[in-house]
Amino acid sequence: RIAAWSPHELERELRQTQERARASVPGLYVQRGSGVHVNVLTGEVYVRKRMLMPVPQDNAHDEHFRDVFGAASPFCAVIASQQRRRWIQILRGAFCYRVMAWAPPLLPHPTDHPNARAS
């Protein structure tokens, strides 16, 4: 028996075939609904399109950070990173922590001031 498909059915079938092909990338595993992607070829883990990485050392050694996490070494995802500020998100158990860290402003050198006298 030969099936006759309408143009709409053919388009839908083509779309579904393309979606299945995209979903079956070798070495890429996706947990649907959770936003977790694991690429075993590169060793990268993404949560909600952000790569997981160890918490930066300057955050991990902070006294307040250790009060919350103790000696644990959690992983984080960088939400934003500017010259003087970093915003990370830590997923641990059922909790999501958002940590913002600022670097102190740079103080100008006295000779950089426009009214400084040359000695």
Protein backbone atom coordinates (compact mmCIF):
# COMPACT_ATOMS: atom_id res chain seq x y z
CA ARG A 1 0.00 0.00 0.00
CA ILE A 2 1.30 3.46 -0.84
CA ALA A 3 0.44 6.27 1.55
CA ALA A 4 -0.36 9.69 0.24
CA TRP A 5 0.79 12.48 2.53
CA SER A 6 -0.38 16.02 2.38
CA PRO A 7 2.23 18.82 2.19
CA HIS A 8 1.42 19.67 5.84
CA GLU A 9 2.07 16.06 6.93
CA LEU A 10 5.32 15.93 4.96
CA GLU A 11 6.50 19.16 6.57
CA ARG A 12 5.64 17.85 10.05
CA GLU A 13 7.47 14.57 9.38
CA LEU A 14 10.54 16.42 8.11
CA ARG A 15 10.55 18.66 11.22
CA GLN A 16 10.30 15.64 13.54
CA THR A 17 13.11 13.85 11.70
CA GLN A 18 15.34 16.92 12.01
CA GLU A 19 14.57 17.23 15.73
CA ARG A 20 15.45 13.56 16.29
CA ALA A 21 18.73 14.04 14.40
CA ARG A 22 19.66 17.08 16.52
CA ALA A 23 18.80 15.25 19.73
CA SER A 24 21.04 12.29 18.89
CA VAL A 25 24.47 13.96 18.84
CA PRO A 26 27.08 11.36 19.87
CA GLY A 27 28.49 12.09 23.33
CA LEU A 28 25.91 14.75 24.19
CA TYR A 29 23.38 13.80 26.83
CA VAL A 30 20.44 15.99 27.76
CA GLN A 31 18.18 15.54 30.76
CA ARG A 32 14.91 16.97 29.50
CA GLY A 33 13.14 19.44 31.77
CA SER A 34 16.16 19.99 34.03
CA GLY A 35 18.32 22.05 31.70
CA VAL A 36 21.32 19.75 32.25
CA HIS A 37 23.57 19.02 29.24
CA VAL A 38 26.65 16.78 29.48
CA ASN A 39 29.22 16.59 26.70
CA VAL A 40 31.39 13.54 27.40
CA LEU A 41 33.71 14.37 24.47
CA THR A 42 34.79 17.70 25.99
CA GLY A 43 34.03 16.95 29.66
CA GLU A 44 31.72 19.96 29.94
CA VAL A 45 28.55 20.09 32.02
CA TYR A 46 26.00 22.84 31.43
CA VAL A 47 23.06 23.78 33.62
CA ARG A 48 20.54 26.13 32.02
CA LYS A 49 23.05 26.92 29.23
CA ARG A 50 25.83 27.90 31.67
CA MET A 51 28.97 25.81 32.09
CA LEU A 52 29.67 24.40 35.56
CA MET A 53 33.10 25.07 37.02
CA PRO A 54 34.73 24.95 40.47
CA VAL A 55 33.99 27.96 42.65
CA PRO A 56 36.78 30.56 42.14
CA GLN A 57 39.42 30.44 44.89
CA ASP A 58 38.86 34.03 46.05
CA ASN A 59 35.21 33.15 46.74
CA ALA A 60 35.94 29.72 48.23
CA HIS A 61 38.45 31.13 50.75
CA ASP A 62 36.13 33.92 51.93
CA GLU A 63 35.12 33.61 55.60
CA HIS A 64 31.39 34.07 54.90
CA PHE A 65 31.51 31.50 52.08
CA ARG A 66 33.11 28.95 54.44
CA ASP A 67 30.44 29.70 57.06
CA VAL A 68 27.79 28.51 54.59
CA PHE A 69 29.61 25.72 52.71
CA GLY A 70 32.27 24.62 55.19
CA ALA A 71 35.16 22.76 53.56
CA ALA A 72 33.00 21.63 50.61
CA SER A 73 34.12 22.44 47.08
CA PRO A 74 30.86 23.07 45.23
CA PHE A 75 30.55 23.83 41.55
CA CYS A 76 29.07 27.01 40.17
CA ALA A 77 27.91 28.67 36.99
CA VAL A 78 29.02 32.20 36.18
CA ILE A 79 25.99 34.46 35.70
CA ALA A 80 27.93 37.66 34.99
CA SER A 81 31.53 38.77 35.15
CA GLN A 82 32.73 42.34 34.85
CA GLN A 83 36.06 43.97 35.59
CA ARG A 84 35.35 44.55 39.30
CA ARG A 85 32.40 42.20 39.96
CA ARG A 86 31.58 38.51 39.57
CA TRP A 87 28.15 36.94 40.04
CA ILE A 88 28.00 33.14 40.40
CA GLN A 89 25.20 30.69 41.06
CA ILE A 90 25.76 27.58 43.17
CA LEU A 91 23.33 24.68 43.05
CA ARG A 92 23.64 22.47 46.10
CA GLY A 93 20.97 19.99 47.04
CA ALA A 94 17.57 21.64 46.85
CA PHE A 95 19.05 25.12 47.25
CA CYS A 96 20.28 27.70 44.77
CA TYR A 97 22.74 30.28 46.09
CA ARG A 98 23.61 33.48 44.23
CA VAL A 99 26.95 34.93 45.24
CA MET A 100 28.21 38.36 44.20
CA ALA A 101 31.81 39.38 44.79
CA TRP A 102 33.28 42.82 44.25
CA ALA A 103 36.93 43.83 44.07
CA PRO A 104 37.83 47.07 45.85
CA PRO A 105 38.15 50.12 43.60
CA LEU A 106 41.62 50.90 42.39
CA LEU A 107 43.07 53.98 44.06
CA PRO A 108 44.91 56.30 41.71
CA HIS A 109 48.61 56.72 42.24
CA PRO A 110 49.39 60.25 43.64
CA THR A 111 51.46 61.11 40.57
CA ASP A 112 48.49 60.32 38.29
CA HIS A 113 46.55 63.32 39.58
CA PRO A 114 46.43 66.18 37.02
CA ASN A 115 47.57 68.75 39.63
CA ALA A 116 50.53 66.66 40.88
CA ARG A 117 53.89 68.42 40.84
CA ALA A 118 56.87 66.78 39.22
CA SER A 119 59.80 66.55 41.64
